[in-house]
Amino acid sequence: MSGKRTERIQIQLTEDELASLDDWRFGNQIPSRAAAIRELMRMGLSGGDVRDPSEGRKKSGDYGIHDS
């Protein structure tokens, strides 16, 4: 599915999360953060692991790429 991108989302990341995104992006020669996020979403939506709901995570802030 292709088309013009008209929707925006805003997310907040920790410095470590942003550094991890940038490291992955540069290592994979992705031209922008937005493109890197779209690629990671494509990868995740095509079969990545989903957190176990029995962990009891309910807040948005509980979902991160680095354990606090």
PDB file of N, CA and C in Angstrom:
ATOM      1  N   MET A   1       0.856  -1.167   0.000  1.00  0.00           N
ATOM      2  CA  MET A   1       0.000   0.000   0.000  1.00  0.00           C
ATOM      3  C   MET A   1       0.904   1.232   0.000  1.00  0.00           C
ATOM      4  N   SER A   2       0.653   2.110  -0.917  1.00  0.00           N
ATOM      5  CA  SER A   2       1.443   3.336  -0.954  1.00  0.00           C
ATOM      6  C   SER A   2       0.502   4.522  -1.051  1.00  0.00           C
ATOM      7  N   GLY A   3       1.008   5.651  -0.778  1.00  0.00           N
ATOM      8  CA  GLY A   3       0.220   6.866  -0.828  1.00  0.00           C
ATOM      9  C   GLY A   3       0.944   7.979  -0.123  1.00  0.00           C
ATOM     10  N   LYS A   4       0.358   9.128  -0.216  1.00  0.00           N
ATOM     11  CA  LYS A   4       0.950  10.290   0.425  1.00  0.00           C
ATOM     12  C   LYS A   4       0.808  10.176   1.937  1.00  0.00           C
ATOM     13  N   ARG A   5       1.864  10.499   2.634  1.00  0.00           N
ATOM     14  CA  ARG A   5       1.828  10.456   4.103  1.00  0.00           C
ATOM     15  C   ARG A   5       1.216  11.756   4.594  1.00  0.00           C
ATOM     16  N   THR A   6       0.072  11.657   5.239  1.00  0.00           N
ATOM     17  CA  THR A   6      -0.623  12.849   5.701  1.00  0.00           C
ATOM     18  C   THR A   6      -0.810  12.879   7.210  1.00  0.00           C
ATOM     19  N   GLU A   7      -0.571  11.753   7.865  1.00  0.00           N
ATOM     20  CA  GLU A   7      -0.790  11.666   9.311  1.00  0.00           C
ATOM     21  C   GLU A   7       0.532  11.777  10.044  1.00  0.00           C
ATOM     22  N   ARG A   8       0.518  12.504  11.152  1.00  0.00           N
ATOM     23  CA  ARG A   8       1.707  12.645  11.996  1.00  0.00           C
ATOM     24  C   ARG A   8       1.424  12.031  13.360  1.00  0.00           C
ATOM     25  N   ILE A   9       2.483  11.492  13.942  1.00  0.00           N
ATOM     26  CA  ILE A   9       2.406  11.048  15.333  1.00  0.00           C
ATOM     27  C   ILE A   9       3.588  11.664  16.061  1.00  0.00           C
ATOM     28  N   GLN A  10       3.434  11.823  17.331  1.00  0.00           N
ATOM     29  CA  GLN A  10       4.518  12.372  18.143  1.00  0.00           C
ATOM     30  C   GLN A  10       4.844  11.360  19.221  1.00  0.00           C
ATOM     31  N   ILE A  11       6.120  11.077  19.390  1.00  0.00           N
ATOM     32  CA  ILE A  11       6.546  10.189  20.468  1.00  0.00           C
ATOM     33  C   ILE A  11       7.684  10.859  21.227  1.00  0.00           C
ATOM     34  N   GLN A  12       7.826  10.490  22.445  1.00  0.00           N
ATOM     35  CA  GLN A  12       8.931  10.976  23.260  1.00  0.00           C
ATOM     36  C   GLN A  12       9.843   9.803  23.546  1.00  0.00           C
ATOM     37  N   LEU A  13      11.150  10.030  23.424  1.00  0.00           N
ATOM     38  CA  LEU A  13      12.151   9.001  23.660  1.00  0.00           C
ATOM     39  C   LEU A  13      13.156   9.493  24.688  1.00  0.00           C
ATOM     40  N   THR A  14      13.717   8.541  25.398  1.00  0.00           N
ATOM     41  CA  THR A  14      14.827   8.889  26.280  1.00  0.00           C
ATOM     42  C   THR A  14      16.060   9.128  25.408  1.00  0.00           C
ATOM     43  N   GLU A  15      17.091   9.700  25.985  1.00  0.00           N
ATOM     44  CA  GLU A  15      18.345   9.897  25.244  1.00  0.00           C
ATOM     45  C   GLU A  15      18.913   8.563  24.771  1.00  0.00           C
ATOM     46  N   ASP A  16      18.812   7.532  25.622  1.00  0.00           N
ATOM     47  CA  ASP A  16      19.316   6.204  25.252  1.00  0.00           C
ATOM     48  C   ASP A  16      18.515   5.602  24.107  1.00  0.00           C
ATOM     49  N   GLU A  17      17.194   5.767  24.147  1.00  0.00           N
ATOM     50  CA  GLU A  17      16.362   5.239  23.066  1.00  0.00           C
ATOM     51  C   GLU A  17      16.682   5.938  21.745  1.00  0.00           C
ATOM     52  N   LEU A  18      16.839   7.243  21.789  1.00  0.00           N
ATOM     53  CA  LEU A  18      17.164   7.992  20.583  1.00  0.00           C
ATOM     54  C   LEU A  18      18.543   7.594  20.049  1.00  0.00           C
ATOM     55  N   ALA A  19      19.494   7.402  20.948  1.00  0.00           N
ATOM     56  CA  ALA A  19      20.827   6.962  20.529  1.00  0.00           C
ATOM     57  C   ALA A  19      20.755   5.583  19.878  1.00  0.00           C
ATOM     58  N   SER A  20      19.948   4.690  20.434  1.00  0.00           N
ATOM     59  CA  SER A  20      19.795   3.358  19.853  1.00  0.00           C
ATOM     60  C   SER A  20      19.162   3.434  18.471  1.00  0.00           C
ATOM     61  N   LEU A  21      18.157   4.281  18.326  1.00  0.00           N
ATOM     62  CA  LEU A  21      17.518   4.474  17.024  1.00  0.00           C
ATOM     63  C   LEU A  21      18.537   4.993  16.015  1.00  0.00           C
ATOM     64  N   ASP A  22      19.291   6.015  16.395  1.00  0.00           N
ATOM     65  CA  ASP A  22      20.276   6.593  15.486  1.00  0.00           C
ATOM     66  C   ASP A  22      21.383   5.593  15.148  1.00  0.00           C
ATOM     67  N   ASP A  23      21.844   4.834  16.124  1.00  0.00           N
ATOM     68  CA  ASP A  23      22.866   3.818  15.861  1.00  0.00           C
ATOM     69  C   ASP A  23      22.357   2.791  14.858  1.00  0.00           C
ATOM     70  N   TRP A  24      21.130   2.323  15.052  1.00  0.00           N
ATOM     71  CA  TRP A  24      20.537   1.338  14.140  1.00  0.00           C
ATOM     72  C   TRP A  24      20.368   1.948  12.755  1.00  0.00           C
ATOM     73  N   ARG A  25      19.871   3.177  12.733  1.00  0.00           N
ATOM     74  CA  ARG A  25      19.647   3.882  11.470  1.00  0.00           C
ATOM     75  C   ARG A  25      20.947   4.011  10.680  1.00  0.00           C
ATOM     76  N   PHE A  26      22.005   4.509  11.317  1.00  0.00           N
ATOM     77  CA  PHE A  26      23.272   4.702  10.614  1.00  0.00           C
ATOM     78  C   PHE A  26      23.888   3.363  10.206  1.00  0.00           C
ATOM     79  N   GLY A  27      23.767   2.368  11.073  1.00  0.00           N
ATOM     80  CA  GLY A  27      24.301   1.045  10.752  1.00  0.00           C
ATOM     81  C   GLY A  27      23.610   0.388   9.569  1.00  0.00           C
ATOM     82  N   ASN A  28      22.371   0.771   9.327  1.00  0.00           N
ATOM     83  CA  ASN A  28      21.598   0.206   8.217  1.00  0.00           C
ATOM     84  C   ASN A  28      21.429   1.190   7.067  1.00  0.00           C
ATOM     85  N   GLN A  29      22.148   2.286   7.124  1.00  0.00           N
ATOM     86  CA  GLN A  29      22.146   3.299   6.075  1.00  0.00           C
ATOM     87  C   GLN A  29      20.731   3.765   5.711  1.00  0.00           C
ATOM     88  N   ILE A  30      19.945   4.056   6.750  1.00  0.00           N
ATOM     89  CA  ILE A  30      18.585   4.568   6.563  1.00  0.00           C
ATOM     90  C   ILE A  30      18.696   6.091   6.531  1.00  0.00           C
ATOM     91  N   PRO A  31      18.051   6.758   5.568  1.00  0.00           N
ATOM     92  CA  PRO A  31      18.294   8.182   5.365  1.00  0.00           C
ATOM     93  C   PRO A  31      17.730   9.142   6.413  1.00  0.00           C
ATOM     94  N   SER A  32      16.739   8.721   7.193  1.00  0.00           N
ATOM     95  CA  SER A  32      16.155   9.637   8.174  1.00  0.00           C
ATOM     96  C   SER A  32      15.615   8.860   9.363  1.00  0.00           C
ATOM     97  N   ARG A  33      15.386   9.575  10.458  1.00  0.00           N
ATOM     98  CA  ARG A  33      14.774   8.931  11.628  1.00  0.00           C
ATOM     99  C   ARG A  33      13.386   8.426  11.293  1.00  0.00           C
ATOM    100  N   ALA A  34      12.620   9.224  10.541  1.00  0.00           N
ATOM    101  CA  ALA A  34      11.257   8.809  10.181  1.00  0.00           C
ATOM    102  C   ALA A  34      11.286   7.510   9.373  1.00  0.00           C
ATOM    103  N   ALA A  35      12.196   7.421   8.417  1.00  0.00           N
ATOM    104  CA  ALA A  35      12.305   6.204   7.609  1.00  0.00           C
ATOM    105  C   ALA A  35      12.729   5.020   8.480  1.00  0.00           C
ATOM    106  N   ALA A  36      13.629   5.262   9.429  1.00  0.00           N
ATOM    107  CA  ALA A  36      14.068   4.196  10.330  1.00  0.00           C
ATOM    108  C   ALA A  36      12.904   3.699  11.180  1.00  0.00           C
ATOM    109  N   ILE A  37      12.113   4.612  11.691  1.00  0.00           N
ATOM    110  CA  ILE A  37      10.958   4.217  12.508  1.00  0.00           C
ATOM    111  C   ILE A  37       9.959   3.434  11.665  1.00  0.00           C
ATOM    112  N   ARG A  38       9.708   3.888  10.427  1.00  0.00           N
ATOM    113  CA  ARG A  38       8.786   3.136   9.557  1.00  0.00           C
ATOM    114  C   ARG A  38       9.319   1.740   9.278  1.00  0.00           C
ATOM    115  N   GLU A  39      10.632   1.611   9.049  1.00  0.00           N
ATOM    116  CA  GLU A  39      11.217   0.293   8.788  1.00  0.00           C
ATOM    117  C   GLU A  39      11.118  -0.603  10.020  1.00  0.00           C
ATOM    118  N   LEU A  40      11.391  -0.062  11.186  1.00  0.00           N
ATOM    119  CA  LEU A  40      11.259  -0.849  12.417  1.00  0.00           C
ATOM    120  C   LEU A  40       9.805  -1.267  12.646  1.00  0.00           C
ATOM    121  N   MET A  41       8.870  -0.379  12.333  1.00  0.00           N
ATOM    122  CA  MET A  41       7.451  -0.733  12.455  1.00  0.00           C
ATOM    123  C   MET A  41       7.096  -1.854  11.483  1.00  0.00           C
ATOM    124  N   ARG A  42       7.598  -1.765  10.243  1.00  0.00           N
ATOM    125  CA  ARG A  42       7.328  -2.808   9.254  1.00  0.00           C
ATOM    126  C   ARG A  42       7.853  -4.150   9.756  1.00  0.00           C
ATOM    127  N   MET A  43       9.073  -4.134  10.285  1.00  0.00           N
ATOM    128  CA  MET A  43       9.673  -5.363  10.792  1.00  0.00           C
ATOM    129  C   MET A  43       8.871  -5.922  11.967  1.00  0.00           C
ATOM    130  N   GLY A  44       8.496  -5.051  12.882  1.00  0.00           N
ATOM    131  CA  GLY A  44       7.751  -5.496  14.061  1.00  0.00           C
ATOM    132  C   GLY A  44       6.364  -6.008  13.728  1.00  0.00           C
ATOM    133  N   LEU A  45       5.698  -5.325  12.817  1.00  0.00           N
ATOM    134  CA  LEU A  45       4.339  -5.723  12.455  1.00  0.00           C
ATOM    135  C   LEU A  45       4.310  -6.991  11.609  1.00  0.00           C
ATOM    136  N   SER A  46       5.460  -7.370  11.060  1.00  0.00           N
ATOM    137  CA  SER A  46       5.493  -8.569  10.230  1.00  0.00           C
ATOM    138  C   SER A  46       5.879  -9.819  11.017  1.00  0.00           C
ATOM    139  N   GLY A  47       5.905  -9.720  12.332  1.00  0.00           N
ATOM    140  CA  GLY A  47       6.139 -10.938  13.083  1.00  0.00           C
ATOM    141  C   GLY A  47       7.006 -10.822  14.303  1.00  0.00           C
ATOM    142  N   GLY A  48       7.238  -9.630  14.778  1.00  0.00           N
ATOM    143  CA  GLY A  48       8.039  -9.476  15.981  1.00  0.00           C
ATOM    144  C   GLY A  48       7.321  -9.988  17.214  1.00  0.00           C
ATOM    145  N   ASP A  49       8.082 -10.213  18.253  1.00  0.00           N
ATOM    146  CA  ASP A  49       7.497 -10.659  19.519  1.00  0.00           C
ATOM    147  C   ASP A  49       6.660  -9.541  20.127  1.00  0.00           C
ATOM    148  N   VAL A  50       5.594  -9.935  20.782  1.00  0.00           N
ATOM    149  CA  VAL A  50       4.721  -8.997  21.486  1.00  0.00           C
ATOM    150  C   VAL A  50       4.904  -9.256  22.968  1.00  0.00           C
ATOM    151  N   ARG A  51       4.899  -8.199  23.751  1.00  0.00           N
ATOM    152  CA  ARG A  51       5.049  -8.375  25.206  1.00  0.00           C
ATOM    153  C   ARG A  51       3.896  -9.202  25.766  1.00  0.00           C
ATOM    154  N   ASP A  52       4.217  -9.984  26.742  1.00  0.00           N
ATOM    155  CA  ASP A  52       3.223 -10.827  27.411  1.00  0.00           C
ATOM    156  C   ASP A  52       2.298  -9.947  28.243  1.00  0.00           C
ATOM    157  N   PRO A  53       0.981  -9.965  27.958  1.00  0.00           N
ATOM    158  CA  PRO A  53       0.070  -9.105  28.719  1.00  0.00           C
ATOM    159  C   PRO A  53       0.001  -9.453  30.198  1.00  0.00           C
ATOM    160  N   SER A  54       0.434 -10.643  30.563  1.00  0.00           N
ATOM    161  CA  SER A  54       0.412 -11.020  31.983  1.00  0.00           C
ATOM    162  C   SER A  54       1.454 -10.249  32.780  1.00  0.00           C
ATOM    163  N   GLU A  55       2.356  -9.530  32.107  1.00  0.00           N
ATOM    164  CA  GLU A  55       3.347  -8.710  32.805  1.00  0.00           C
ATOM    165  C   GLU A  55       2.676  -7.534  33.500  1.00  0.00           C
ATOM    166  N   GLY A  56       1.440  -7.237  33.144  1.00  0.00           N
ATOM    167  CA  GLY A  56       0.694  -6.180  33.804  1.00  0.00           C
ATOM    168  C   GLY A  56       1.056  -4.779  33.367  1.00  0.00           C
ATOM    169  N   ARG A  57       1.712  -4.611  32.258  1.00  0.00           N
ATOM    170  CA  ARG A  57       2.071  -3.275  31.774  1.00  0.00           C
ATOM    171  C   ARG A  57       0.834  -2.611  31.198  1.00  0.00           C
ATOM    172  N   LYS A  58       0.593  -1.398  31.648  1.00  0.00           N
ATOM    173  CA  LYS A  58      -0.594  -0.712  31.193  1.00  0.00           C
ATOM    174  C   LYS A  58      -0.335   0.722  30.754  1.00  0.00           C
ATOM    175  N   LYS A  59       0.721   1.341  31.241  1.00  0.00           N
ATOM    176  CA  LYS A  59       1.007   2.732  30.899  1.00  0.00           C
ATOM    177  C   LYS A  59       1.911   2.797  29.678  1.00  0.00           C
ATOM    178  N   SER A  60       1.735   3.834  28.886  1.00  0.00           N
ATOM    179  CA  SER A  60       2.566   4.023  27.703  1.00  0.00           C
ATOM    180  C   SER A  60       4.042   4.051  28.067  1.00  0.00           C
ATOM    181  N   GLY A  61       4.373   4.696  29.170  1.00  0.00           N
ATOM    182  CA  GLY A  61       5.764   4.806  29.592  1.00  0.00           C
ATOM    183  C   GLY A  61       6.401   3.479  29.966  1.00  0.00           C
ATOM    184  N   ASP A  62       5.578   2.442  30.177  1.00  0.00           N
ATOM    185  CA  ASP A  62       6.101   1.129  30.520  1.00  0.00           C
ATOM    186  C   ASP A  62       6.669   0.399  29.302  1.00  0.00           C
ATOM    187  N   TYR A  63       6.381   0.913  28.114  1.00  0.00           N
ATOM    188  CA  TYR A  63       6.853   0.266  26.884  1.00  0.00           C
ATOM    189  C   TYR A  63       8.037   1.044  26.351  1.00  0.00           C
ATOM    190  N   GLY A  64       9.210   0.459  26.511  1.00  0.00           N
ATOM    191  CA  GLY A  64      10.424   1.116  26.047  1.00  0.00           C
ATOM    192  C   GLY A  64      11.360   0.085  25.462  1.00  0.00           C
ATOM    193  N   ILE A  65      12.422   0.561  24.871  1.00  0.00           N
ATOM    194  CA  ILE A  65      13.378  -0.379  24.292  1.00  0.00           C
ATOM    195  C   ILE A  65      14.542  -0.641  25.234  1.00  0.00           C
ATOM    196  N   HIS A  66      14.608   0.097  26.314  1.00  0.00           N
ATOM    197  CA  HIS A  66      15.643  -0.105  27.341  1.00  0.00           C
ATOM    198  C   HIS A  66      14.940  -0.316  28.673  1.00  0.00           C
ATOM    199  N   ASP A  67      15.361  -1.337  29.404  1.00  0.00           N
ATOM    200  CA  ASP A  67      14.818  -1.519  30.751  1.00  0.00           C
ATOM    201  C   ASP A  67      15.367  -0.447  31.661  1.00  0.00           C
ATOM    202  N   SER A  68      14.498   0.112  32.498  1.00  0.00           N
ATOM    203  CA  SER A  68      14.962   1.172  33.411  1.00  0.00           C
ATOM    204  C   SER A  68      15.485   0.598  34.684  1.00  0.00           C
TER     205      SER A  68
END
